[in-house]
Amino acid sequence: PRITHLSILSSKHFFSINLTRNHHLKSLQKNKFYEWLMKISLLASGSKGNSIVVVGKKSALMIDAGLSGKKIFERLEMVGVDKEIISAILVTHEHSDHVRGAGIISRKLKIPLYINELTYSETKQRGNRLGKIDRLQFFENGVSFEFGDFLIHPFSVPHDSINNSCFRISEINSDEDLVILTDLGFPTKLVKNKIKNPSTIVLESNHDIGKLINGPYEWHLKQRIKGKNGHLSNDQAGELMLEIFHPKLKNIILAHLSEENNEPEIAFNSMKKLILENKINCNLYVALQHTPTELIEV
């Protein structure tokens, strides 16, 4: 039989790295009340395109849409999420691997697009990457807002973009909350404060420092990636997890892996080693570029 995932299972730890999918999830129907916790799937993760869907009891949010609209709808179908329950798109920053399909999906589904004002202005400067948005909504980093049953807290992170946003998301009156932390060069004190005690964290683990330094990229690009406005390495991701781990953490989802400067197994094993050595009890996943993760309970 074909191996579809790598896993290690013990009485205290479970780790799973999803490589392909061979099962189907029940399709979610619009306006139906779901008898389960908030769920998340990373539809795509990496420098060729990023998109996340967060499914709540009555609706769903999309964070970034860095693939074509057609590909994103295909990924939603793969994980069993009806595109008609997507109620809004949140944009982190203006880079094309995060906004490529955002305008198309907003128009196609007739849903609002939430973005901070500086980032929106930058997308217009870069060739109007979003196109015409009929239902444009601005948020401000550091100011929480509600949308439907979701409470959303955007916060700033250092990256080579105009005003990069990451998010902490929960459902109103729920104890579970989700942190999405990708595309940052280093975790500031503000970032560490904003990401305390999540039940699930999507955490950038972009590169293996040895592969980056010894790889084919030109030196100026290597400096950019590992700089304070670049991306978190596997080692930095591990160091951050040691600082913020708490007993109620359920899931770590490693994200935004570089196809040139990292490998899923390297990122997975780096974090797995840290988890085992520190007797941490949680699930560990690796999000991939070309295959969505399963729907994971937050």
C-alpha atoms as a PDB file:
ATOM      1  CA  PRO A   1       0.000   0.000   0.000  1.00  0.00           C
ATOM      2  CA  ARG A   2       1.106   3.580  -0.672  1.00  0.00           C
ATOM      3  CA  ILE A   3       2.324   5.497   2.367  1.00  0.00           C
ATOM      4  CA  THR A   4       0.184   8.603   2.743  1.00  0.00           C
ATOM      5  CA  HIS A   5       1.675  10.113   5.892  1.00  0.00           C
ATOM      6  CA  LEU A   6       4.562   9.742   8.329  1.00  0.00           C
ATOM      7  CA  SER A   7       3.681   9.406  11.972  1.00  0.00           C
ATOM      8  CA  ILE A   8       5.078   8.526  15.381  1.00  0.00           C
ATOM      9  CA  LEU A   9       2.613   7.406  18.012  1.00  0.00           C
ATOM     10  CA  SER A  10       3.286   6.868  21.701  1.00  0.00           C
ATOM     11  CA  SER A  11       1.226   7.097  24.845  1.00  0.00           C
ATOM     12  CA  LYS A  12       2.063  10.788  25.232  1.00  0.00           C
ATOM     13  CA  HIS A  13       2.833  12.138  21.784  1.00  0.00           C
ATOM     14  CA  PHE A  14       1.386  12.083  18.303  1.00  0.00           C
ATOM     15  CA  PHE A  15       3.043  13.686  15.307  1.00  0.00           C
ATOM     16  CA  SER A  16       1.686  13.672  11.788  1.00  0.00           C
ATOM     17  CA  ILE A  17       3.080  15.044   8.550  1.00  0.00           C
ATOM     18  CA  ASN A  18       0.510  14.986   5.776  1.00  0.00           C
ATOM     19  CA  LEU A  19       1.979  14.193   2.354  1.00  0.00           C
ATOM     20  CA  THR A  20      -1.086  13.155   0.359  1.00  0.00           C
ATOM     21  CA  ARG A  21      -4.790  12.721   1.050  1.00  0.00           C
ATOM     22  CA  ASN A  22      -6.747   9.517   0.557  1.00  0.00           C
ATOM     23  CA  HIS A  23      -9.926  10.203   2.481  1.00  0.00           C
ATOM     24  CA  HIS A  24     -12.952  12.416   2.040  1.00  0.00           C
ATOM     25  CA  LEU A  25     -14.569  14.675   4.608  1.00  0.00           C
ATOM     26  CA  LYS A  26     -18.268  15.325   4.748  1.00  0.00           C
ATOM     27  CA  SER A  27     -19.107  18.464   2.803  1.00  0.00           C
ATOM     28  CA  LEU A  28     -20.079  21.448   4.933  1.00  0.00           C
ATOM     29  CA  GLN A  29     -23.323  23.083   3.905  1.00  0.00           C
ATOM     30  CA  LYS A  30     -24.056  26.796   4.085  1.00  0.00           C
ATOM     31  CA  ASN A  31     -25.910  28.068   7.177  1.00  0.00           C
ATOM     32  CA  LYS A  32     -25.836  24.694   8.928  1.00  0.00           C
ATOM     33  CA  PHE A  33     -24.981  24.736  12.644  1.00  0.00           C
ATOM     34  CA  TYR A  34     -21.933  22.541  13.265  1.00  0.00           C
ATOM     35  CA  GLU A  35     -21.714  20.435  16.399  1.00  0.00           C
ATOM     36  CA  TRP A  36     -17.940  20.682  16.745  1.00  0.00           C
ATOM     37  CA  LEU A  37     -15.067  22.982  17.507  1.00  0.00           C
ATOM     38  CA  MET A  38     -13.600  25.562  15.171  1.00  0.00           C
ATOM     39  CA  LYS A  39     -11.430  23.891  12.538  1.00  0.00           C
ATOM     40  CA  ILE A  40      -8.601  24.966  10.264  1.00  0.00           C
ATOM     41  CA  SER A  41      -7.050  23.741   7.029  1.00  0.00           C
ATOM     42  CA  LEU A  42      -3.994  25.211   5.343  1.00  0.00           C
ATOM     43  CA  LEU A  43      -5.013  24.953   1.708  1.00  0.00           C
ATOM     44  CA  ALA A  44      -1.543  25.936   0.492  1.00  0.00           C
ATOM     45  CA  SER A  45       1.577  27.075   2.295  1.00  0.00           C
ATOM     46  CA  GLY A  46       4.845  28.275   0.785  1.00  0.00           C
ATOM     47  CA  SER A  47       6.409  30.854  -1.506  1.00  0.00           C
ATOM     48  CA  LYS A  48       4.216  29.804  -4.465  1.00  0.00           C
ATOM     49  CA  GLY A  49       0.969  30.630  -2.691  1.00  0.00           C
ATOM     50  CA  ASN A  50      -0.684  30.693   0.732  1.00  0.00           C
ATOM     51  CA  SER A  51      -4.276  30.294   1.862  1.00  0.00           C
ATOM     52  CA  ILE A  52      -5.958  29.180   5.087  1.00  0.00           C
ATOM     53  CA  VAL A  53      -9.603  28.399   5.790  1.00  0.00           C
ATOM     54  CA  VAL A  54     -11.009  28.660   9.324  1.00  0.00           C
ATOM     55  CA  VAL A  55     -14.383  26.963   9.768  1.00  0.00           C
ATOM     56  CA  GLY A  56     -16.694  27.990  12.583  1.00  0.00           C
ATOM     57  CA  LYS A  57     -20.115  26.825  13.679  1.00  0.00           C
ATOM     58  CA  LYS A  58     -22.053  28.787  11.075  1.00  0.00           C
ATOM     59  CA  SER A  59     -19.550  30.206   8.605  1.00  0.00           C
ATOM     60  CA  ALA A  60     -15.892  30.283   7.603  1.00  0.00           C
ATOM     61  CA  LEU A  61     -13.092  32.787   7.081  1.00  0.00           C
ATOM     62  CA  MET A  62     -10.321  32.676   4.510  1.00  0.00           C
ATOM     63  CA  ILE A  63      -6.937  34.110   5.451  1.00  0.00           C
ATOM     64  CA  ASP A  64      -5.030  35.080   2.311  1.00  0.00           C
ATOM     65  CA  ALA A  65      -5.676  33.755  -1.173  1.00  0.00           C
ATOM     66  CA  GLY A  66      -2.305  33.418  -2.860  1.00  0.00           C
ATOM     67  CA  LEU A  67      -3.366  30.911  -5.512  1.00  0.00           C
ATOM     68  CA  SER A  68      -5.729  31.371  -8.430  1.00  0.00           C
ATOM     69  CA  GLY A  69      -9.411  31.350  -7.559  1.00  0.00           C
ATOM     70  CA  LYS A  70      -9.824  28.060  -9.431  1.00  0.00           C
ATOM     71  CA  LYS A  71      -7.059  26.346  -7.445  1.00  0.00           C
ATOM     72  CA  ILE A  72      -8.367  27.605  -4.125  1.00  0.00           C
ATOM     73  CA  PHE A  73     -11.860  26.322  -4.889  1.00  0.00           C
ATOM     74  CA  GLU A  74     -10.302  22.963  -5.811  1.00  0.00           C
ATOM     75  CA  ARG A  75      -8.437  22.853  -2.486  1.00  0.00           C
ATOM     76  CA  LEU A  76     -11.616  23.679  -0.573  1.00  0.00           C
ATOM     77  CA  GLU A  77     -13.346  20.784  -2.305  1.00  0.00           C
ATOM     78  CA  MET A  78     -10.455  18.483  -1.392  1.00  0.00           C
ATOM     79  CA  VAL A  79     -10.971  19.169   2.324  1.00  0.00           C
ATOM     80  CA  GLY A  80     -14.758  19.051   2.124  1.00  0.00           C
ATOM     81  CA  VAL A  81     -15.510  22.731   2.695  1.00  0.00           C
ATOM     82  CA  ASP A  82     -18.304  24.234   0.609  1.00  0.00           C
ATOM     83  CA  LYS A  83     -17.045  27.543  -0.813  1.00  0.00           C
ATOM     84  CA  GLU A  84     -20.466  29.064  -0.156  1.00  0.00           C
ATOM     85  CA  ILE A  85     -19.840  29.117   3.620  1.00  0.00           C
ATOM     86  CA  ILE A  86     -16.806  31.408   3.192  1.00  0.00           C
ATOM     87  CA  SER A  87     -18.049  34.718   4.587  1.00  0.00           C
ATOM     88  CA  ALA A  88     -14.965  36.966   4.391  1.00  0.00           C
ATOM     89  CA  ILE A  89     -11.312  37.109   3.344  1.00  0.00           C
ATOM     90  CA  LEU A  90      -8.593  38.523   5.608  1.00  0.00           C
ATOM     91  CA  VAL A  91      -5.326  39.654   3.995  1.00  0.00           C
ATOM     92  CA  THR A  92      -2.018  39.613   5.875  1.00  0.00           C
ATOM     93  CA  HIS A  93       0.140  41.615   3.432  1.00  0.00           C
ATOM     94  CA  GLU A  94       0.583  42.656  -0.166  1.00  0.00           C
ATOM     95  CA  HIS A  95       2.980  40.007  -1.520  1.00  0.00           C
ATOM     96  CA  SER A  96       1.553  38.138  -4.488  1.00  0.00           C
ATOM     97  CA  ASP A  97       1.796  34.728  -2.823  1.00  0.00           C
ATOM     98  CA  HIS A  98      -0.829  35.999  -0.376  1.00  0.00           C
ATOM     99  CA  VAL A  99      -3.177  38.094  -2.543  1.00  0.00           C
ATOM    100  CA  ARG A 100      -3.114  36.546  -6.031  1.00  0.00           C
ATOM    101  CA  GLY A 101      -6.669  35.217  -5.874  1.00  0.00           C
ATOM    102  CA  ALA A 102      -8.121  37.405  -3.107  1.00  0.00           C
ATOM    103  CA  GLY A 103      -9.903  39.911  -5.300  1.00  0.00           C
ATOM    104  CA  ILE A 104     -11.290  37.216  -7.589  1.00  0.00           C
ATOM    105  CA  ILE A 105     -12.712  35.226  -4.683  1.00  0.00           C
ATOM    106  CA  SER A 106     -14.177  38.327  -3.032  1.00  0.00           C
ATOM    107  CA  ARG A 107     -15.997  39.186  -6.263  1.00  0.00           C
ATOM    108  CA  LYS A 108     -16.999  35.615  -7.093  1.00  0.00           C
ATOM    109  CA  LEU A 109     -18.475  34.879  -3.664  1.00  0.00           C
ATOM    110  CA  LYS A 110     -19.668  38.468  -3.095  1.00  0.00           C
ATOM    111  CA  ILE A 111     -17.942  38.596   0.296  1.00  0.00           C
ATOM    112  CA  PRO A 112     -16.043  41.381   2.084  1.00  0.00           C
ATOM    113  CA  LEU A 113     -12.274  41.641   1.976  1.00  0.00           C
ATOM    114  CA  TYR A 114     -10.613  42.815   5.202  1.00  0.00           C
ATOM    115  CA  ILE A 115      -7.193  44.454   4.936  1.00  0.00           C
ATOM    116  CA  ASN A 116      -5.282  47.193   6.712  1.00  0.00           C
ATOM    117  CA  GLU A 117      -5.250  50.516   4.889  1.00  0.00           C
ATOM    118  CA  LEU A 118      -1.486  50.734   4.298  1.00  0.00           C
ATOM    119  CA  THR A 119      -1.428  47.246   2.807  1.00  0.00           C
ATOM    120  CA  TYR A 120      -4.345  48.057   0.517  1.00  0.00           C
ATOM    121  CA  SER A 121      -2.581  51.202  -0.721  1.00  0.00           C
ATOM    122  CA  GLU A 122       0.534  49.157  -1.413  1.00  0.00           C
ATOM    123  CA  THR A 123      -1.392  46.605  -3.467  1.00  0.00           C
ATOM    124  CA  LYS A 124      -2.620  49.463  -5.632  1.00  0.00           C
ATOM    125  CA  GLN A 125       0.935  50.771  -6.020  1.00  0.00           C
ATOM    126  CA  ARG A 126       2.027  47.311  -7.137  1.00  0.00           C
ATOM    127  CA  GLY A 127      -0.317  47.144 -10.107  1.00  0.00           C
ATOM    128  CA  ASN A 128      -3.674  46.954  -8.333  1.00  0.00           C
ATOM    129  CA  ARG A 129      -3.215  43.272  -7.493  1.00  0.00           C
ATOM    130  CA  LEU A 130      -6.661  42.994  -5.923  1.00  0.00           C
ATOM    131  CA  GLY A 131      -8.657  44.654  -8.677  1.00  0.00           C
ATOM    132  CA  LYS A 132     -11.985  46.291  -7.869  1.00  0.00           C
ATOM    133  CA  ILE A 133     -13.273  45.275  -4.433  1.00  0.00           C
ATOM    134  CA  ASP A 134     -16.960  46.005  -3.898  1.00  0.00           C
ATOM    135  CA  ARG A 135     -16.995  45.160  -0.195  1.00  0.00           C
ATOM    136  CA  LEU A 136     -13.735  46.566   1.107  1.00  0.00           C
ATOM    137  CA  GLN A 137     -13.268  46.732   4.898  1.00  0.00           C
ATOM    138  CA  PHE A 138     -10.245  48.212   6.682  1.00  0.00           C
ATOM    139  CA  PHE A 139      -8.957  46.951  10.010  1.00  0.00           C
ATOM    140  CA  GLU A 140      -6.214  48.390  12.202  1.00  0.00           C
ATOM    141  CA  ASN A 141      -3.437  46.278  13.665  1.00  0.00           C
ATOM    142  CA  GLY A 142      -3.837  46.156  17.425  1.00  0.00           C
ATOM    143  CA  VAL A 143      -7.602  46.729  17.327  1.00  0.00           C
ATOM    144  CA  SER A 144      -9.892  43.711  17.696  1.00  0.00           C
ATOM    145  CA  PHE A 145     -13.066  43.402  15.647  1.00  0.00           C
ATOM    146  CA  GLU A 146     -15.949  40.978  15.307  1.00  0.00           C
ATOM    147  CA  PHE A 147     -17.235  39.342  12.165  1.00  0.00           C
ATOM    148  CA  GLY A 148     -20.188  37.000  12.543  1.00  0.00           C
ATOM    149  CA  ASP A 149     -19.306  34.540  15.307  1.00  0.00           C
ATOM    150  CA  PHE A 150     -15.583  35.287  15.055  1.00  0.00           C
ATOM    151  CA  LEU A 151     -13.478  37.575  17.233  1.00  0.00           C
ATOM    152  CA  ILE A 152     -10.386  38.655  15.298  1.00  0.00           C
ATOM    153  CA  HIS A 153      -7.321  40.373  16.721  1.00  0.00           C
ATOM    154  CA  PRO A 154      -4.801  41.549  14.083  1.00  0.00           C
ATOM    155  CA  PHE A 155      -1.290  42.497  15.180  1.00  0.00           C
ATOM    156  CA  SER A 156       1.874  43.751  13.485  1.00  0.00           C
ATOM    157  CA  VAL A 157       4.944  41.629  12.805  1.00  0.00           C
ATOM    158  CA  PRO A 158       8.309  42.591  11.260  1.00  0.00           C
ATOM    159  CA  HIS A 159       8.546  41.606   7.587  1.00  0.00           C
ATOM    160  CA  ASP A 160       9.645  43.194   4.324  1.00  0.00           C
ATOM    161  CA  SER A 161       6.150  44.464   3.620  1.00  0.00           C
ATOM    162  CA  ILE A 162       4.461  47.770   4.341  1.00  0.00           C
ATOM    163  CA  ASN A 163       2.436  46.724   7.419  1.00  0.00           C
ATOM    164  CA  ASN A 164       2.333  42.968   7.840  1.00  0.00           C
ATOM    165  CA  SER A 165      -0.559  41.545   9.879  1.00  0.00           C
ATOM    166  CA  CYS A 166      -0.883  38.283  11.732  1.00  0.00           C
ATOM    167  CA  PHE A 167      -4.042  37.156  13.486  1.00  0.00           C
ATOM    168  CA  ARG A 168      -5.435  35.676  16.656  1.00  0.00           C
ATOM    169  CA  ILE A 169      -8.906  34.257  15.969  1.00  0.00           C
ATOM    170  CA  SER A 170     -11.529  32.751  18.233  1.00  0.00           C
ATOM    171  CA  GLU A 171     -15.233  32.164  18.208  1.00  0.00           C
ATOM    172  CA  ILE A 172     -17.218  34.364  20.571  1.00  0.00           C
ATOM    173  CA  ASN A 173     -17.873  32.577  23.895  1.00  0.00           C
ATOM    174  CA  SER A 174     -15.373  29.829  23.049  1.00  0.00           C
ATOM    175  CA  ASP A 175     -12.272  28.803  25.001  1.00  0.00           C
ATOM    176  CA  GLU A 176     -10.369  27.712  21.880  1.00  0.00           C
ATOM    177  CA  ASP A 177      -8.371  30.218  19.915  1.00  0.00           C
ATOM    178  CA  LEU A 178      -6.047  30.141  16.960  1.00  0.00           C
ATOM    179  CA  VAL A 179      -2.841  32.075  16.286  1.00  0.00           C
ATOM    180  CA  ILE A 180      -1.611  32.501  12.713  1.00  0.00           C
ATOM    181  CA  LEU A 181       2.034  33.598  12.795  1.00  0.00           C
ATOM    182  CA  THR A 182       3.881  33.531   9.477  1.00  0.00           C
ATOM    183  CA  ASP A 183       6.036  35.886   7.391  1.00  0.00           C
ATOM    184  CA  LEU A 184       8.072  37.482  10.154  1.00  0.00           C
ATOM    185  CA  GLY A 185      11.800  37.939  10.634  1.00  0.00           C
ATOM    186  CA  PHE A 186      11.798  37.592  14.403  1.00  0.00           C
ATOM    187  CA  PRO A 187       9.263  37.526  17.260  1.00  0.00           C
ATOM    188  CA  THR A 188       9.182  40.906  18.973  1.00  0.00           C
ATOM    189  CA  LYS A 189       8.068  41.334  22.584  1.00  0.00           C
ATOM    190  CA  LEU A 190       4.731  42.533  21.237  1.00  0.00           C
ATOM    191  CA  VAL A 191       4.371  39.372  19.149  1.00  0.00           C
ATOM    192  CA  LYS A 192       5.206  37.134  22.106  1.00  0.00           C
ATOM    193  CA  ASN A 193       2.579  38.915  24.176  1.00  0.00           C
ATOM    194  CA  LYS A 194      -0.079  38.563  21.472  1.00  0.00           C
ATOM    195  CA  ILE A 195       0.415  34.819  20.984  1.00  0.00           C
ATOM    196  CA  LYS A 196       0.227  33.632  24.588  1.00  0.00           C
ATOM    197  CA  ASN A 197      -1.828  30.529  25.388  1.00  0.00           C
ATOM    198  CA  PRO A 198      -3.404  29.571  22.049  1.00  0.00           C
ATOM    199  CA  SER A 199      -5.009  26.169  21.605  1.00  0.00           C
ATOM    200  CA  THR A 200      -3.559  25.963  18.065  1.00  0.00           C
ATOM    201  CA  ILE A 201      -0.713  27.868  16.425  1.00  0.00           C
ATOM    202  CA  VAL A 202       0.190  28.083  12.754  1.00  0.00           C
ATOM    203  CA  LEU A 203       3.889  28.854  12.980  1.00  0.00           C
ATOM    204  CA  GLU A 204       6.353  29.767  10.271  1.00  0.00           C
ATOM    205  CA  SER A 205       9.261  27.339   9.917  1.00  0.00           C
ATOM    206  CA  ASN A 206      10.621  28.689   6.665  1.00  0.00           C
ATOM    207  CA  HIS A 207      14.180  27.483   6.312  1.00  0.00           C
ATOM    208  CA  ASP A 208      16.944  25.293   7.597  1.00  0.00           C
ATOM    209  CA  ILE A 209      19.802  27.702   8.194  1.00  0.00           C
ATOM    210  CA  GLY A 210      22.425  25.285   6.821  1.00  0.00           C
ATOM    211  CA  LYS A 211      20.490  24.686   3.601  1.00  0.00           C
ATOM    212  CA  LEU A 212      19.937  28.417   3.196  1.00  0.00           C
ATOM    213  CA  ILE A 213      23.585  29.405   3.698  1.00  0.00           C
ATOM    214  CA  ASN A 214      24.914  26.612   1.482  1.00  0.00           C
ATOM    215  CA  GLY A 215      22.131  26.840  -1.097  1.00  0.00           C
ATOM    216  CA  PRO A 216      21.959  28.455  -4.547  1.00  0.00           C
ATOM    217  CA  TYR A 217      20.449  31.823  -3.588  1.00  0.00           C
ATOM    218  CA  GLU A 218      22.513  34.984  -4.068  1.00  0.00           C
ATOM    219  CA  TRP A 219      23.978  36.367  -0.861  1.00  0.00           C
ATOM    220  CA  HIS A 220      21.728  39.442  -0.706  1.00  0.00           C
ATOM    221  CA  LEU A 221      18.647  37.165  -0.834  1.00  0.00           C
ATOM    222  CA  LYS A 222      20.059  34.912   1.877  1.00  0.00           C
ATOM    223  CA  GLN A 223      20.595  37.994   4.042  1.00  0.00           C
ATOM    224  CA  ARG A 224      17.021  39.134   3.402  1.00  0.00           C
ATOM    225  CA  ILE A 225      15.523  35.752   4.327  1.00  0.00           C
ATOM    226  CA  LYS A 226      17.434  35.377   7.575  1.00  0.00           C
ATOM    227  CA  GLY A 227      17.265  39.062   8.488  1.00  0.00           C
ATOM    228  CA  LYS A 228      14.957  40.802  10.956  1.00  0.00           C
ATOM    229  CA  ASN A 229      12.420  41.505   8.219  1.00  0.00           C
ATOM    230  CA  GLY A 230      12.643  38.065   6.634  1.00  0.00           C
ATOM    231  CA  HIS A 231      11.373  34.663   7.728  1.00  0.00           C
ATOM    232  CA  LEU A 232      11.645  32.433  10.795  1.00  0.00           C
ATOM    233  CA  SER A 233      14.025  29.479  10.554  1.00  0.00           C
ATOM    234  CA  ASN A 234      13.329  26.022  11.956  1.00  0.00           C
ATOM    235  CA  ASP A 235      15.550  26.855  14.925  1.00  0.00           C
ATOM    236  CA  GLN A 236      13.779  30.155  15.598  1.00  0.00           C
ATOM    237  CA  ALA A 237      10.397  28.424  15.450  1.00  0.00           C
ATOM    238  CA  GLY A 238      11.589  25.919  18.048  1.00  0.00           C
ATOM    239  CA  GLU A 239      12.986  28.596  20.343  1.00  0.00           C
ATOM    240  CA  LEU A 240       9.715  30.493  20.196  1.00  0.00           C
ATOM    241  CA  MET A 241       7.665  27.389  21.009  1.00  0.00           C
ATOM    242  CA  LEU A 242       9.748  26.793  24.133  1.00  0.00           C
ATOM    243  CA  GLU A 243       8.836  30.292  25.297  1.00  0.00           C
ATOM    244  CA  ILE A 244       5.100  30.092  24.644  1.00  0.00           C
ATOM    245  CA  PHE A 245       4.261  26.436  25.291  1.00  0.00           C
ATOM    246  CA  HIS A 246       1.453  25.859  27.783  1.00  0.00           C
ATOM    247  CA  PRO A 247      -0.390  22.701  28.902  1.00  0.00           C
ATOM    248  CA  LYS A 248      -3.571  23.402  26.880  1.00  0.00           C
ATOM    249  CA  LEU A 249      -1.785  23.745  23.543  1.00  0.00           C
ATOM    250  CA  LYS A 250      -3.297  21.161  21.173  1.00  0.00           C
ATOM    251  CA  ASN A 251      -1.671  21.717  17.788  1.00  0.00           C
ATOM    252  CA  ILE A 252       1.455  23.147  16.224  1.00  0.00           C
ATOM    253  CA  ILE A 253       1.146  23.529  12.441  1.00  0.00           C
ATOM    254  CA  LEU A 254       4.464  24.366  10.778  1.00  0.00           C
ATOM    255  CA  ALA A 255       3.950  26.592   7.752  1.00  0.00           C
ATOM    256  CA  HIS A 256       5.513  28.600   4.922  1.00  0.00           C
ATOM    257  CA  LEU A 257       8.332  26.110   4.319  1.00  0.00           C
ATOM    258  CA  SER A 258      10.784  27.063   1.597  1.00  0.00           C
ATOM    259  CA  GLU A 259      10.994  24.470  -1.167  1.00  0.00           C
ATOM    260  CA  GLU A 260      14.623  25.493  -1.830  1.00  0.00           C
ATOM    261  CA  ASN A 261      15.905  25.932   1.724  1.00  0.00           C
ATOM    262  CA  ASN A 262      13.910  23.439   3.755  1.00  0.00           C
ATOM    263  CA  GLU A 263      12.273  20.029   3.608  1.00  0.00           C
ATOM    264  CA  PRO A 264       9.101  18.874   5.390  1.00  0.00           C
ATOM    265  CA  GLU A 265      10.995  16.072   7.134  1.00  0.00           C
ATOM    266  CA  ILE A 266      13.722  18.459   8.333  1.00  0.00           C
ATOM    267  CA  ALA A 267      11.246  20.961   9.785  1.00  0.00           C
ATOM    268  CA  PHE A 268       9.161  18.158  11.296  1.00  0.00           C
ATOM    269  CA  ASN A 269      12.135  16.394  12.909  1.00  0.00           C
ATOM    270  CA  SER A 270      13.569  19.651  14.255  1.00  0.00           C
ATOM    271  CA  MET A 271      10.352  20.488  16.106  1.00  0.00           C
ATOM    272  CA  LYS A 272       9.703  16.847  17.046  1.00  0.00           C
ATOM    273  CA  LYS A 273      13.101  16.623  18.763  1.00  0.00           C
ATOM    274  CA  LEU A 274      12.326  19.708  20.834  1.00  0.00           C
ATOM    275  CA  ILE A 275       8.855  18.411  21.741  1.00  0.00           C
ATOM    276  CA  LEU A 276      10.174  15.036  22.887  1.00  0.00           C
ATOM    277  CA  GLU A 277      13.091  16.477  24.852  1.00  0.00           C
ATOM    278  CA  ASN A 278      10.775  18.832  26.718  1.00  0.00           C
ATOM    279  CA  LYS A 279       7.970  16.279  27.213  1.00  0.00           C
ATOM    280  CA  ILE A 280       5.437  18.452  25.426  1.00  0.00           C
ATOM    281  CA  ASN A 281       2.107  16.795  24.661  1.00  0.00           C
ATOM    282  CA  CYS A 282       0.508  18.129  21.466  1.00  0.00           C
ATOM    283  CA  ASN A 283      -0.088  17.350  17.795  1.00  0.00           C
ATOM    284  CA  LEU A 284       2.492  18.434  15.233  1.00  0.00           C
ATOM    285  CA  TYR A 285       1.649  18.996  11.555  1.00  0.00           C
ATOM    286  CA  VAL A 286       3.564  20.292   8.562  1.00  0.00           C
ATOM    287  CA  ALA A 287       1.652  22.283   5.944  1.00  0.00           C
ATOM    288  CA  LEU A 288       2.721  21.787   2.337  1.00  0.00           C
ATOM    289  CA  GLN A 289       2.649  23.813  -0.844  1.00  0.00           C
ATOM    290  CA  HIS A 290       0.749  21.500  -3.164  1.00  0.00           C
ATOM    291  CA  THR A 291      -1.524  19.555  -0.796  1.00  0.00           C
ATOM    292  CA  PRO A 292      -3.953  20.930   1.805  1.00  0.00           C
ATOM    293  CA  THR A 293      -3.867  19.735   5.385  1.00  0.00           C
ATOM    294  CA  GLU A 294      -6.838  17.905   6.803  1.00  0.00           C
ATOM    295  CA  LEU A 295      -9.383  19.899   8.785  1.00  0.00           C
ATOM    296  CA  ILE A 296      -7.790  20.188  12.222  1.00  0.00           C
ATOM    297  CA  GLU A 297      -9.827  20.938  15.348  1.00  0.00           C
ATOM    298  CA  VAL A 298      -8.586  24.135  16.958  1.00  0.00           C
END
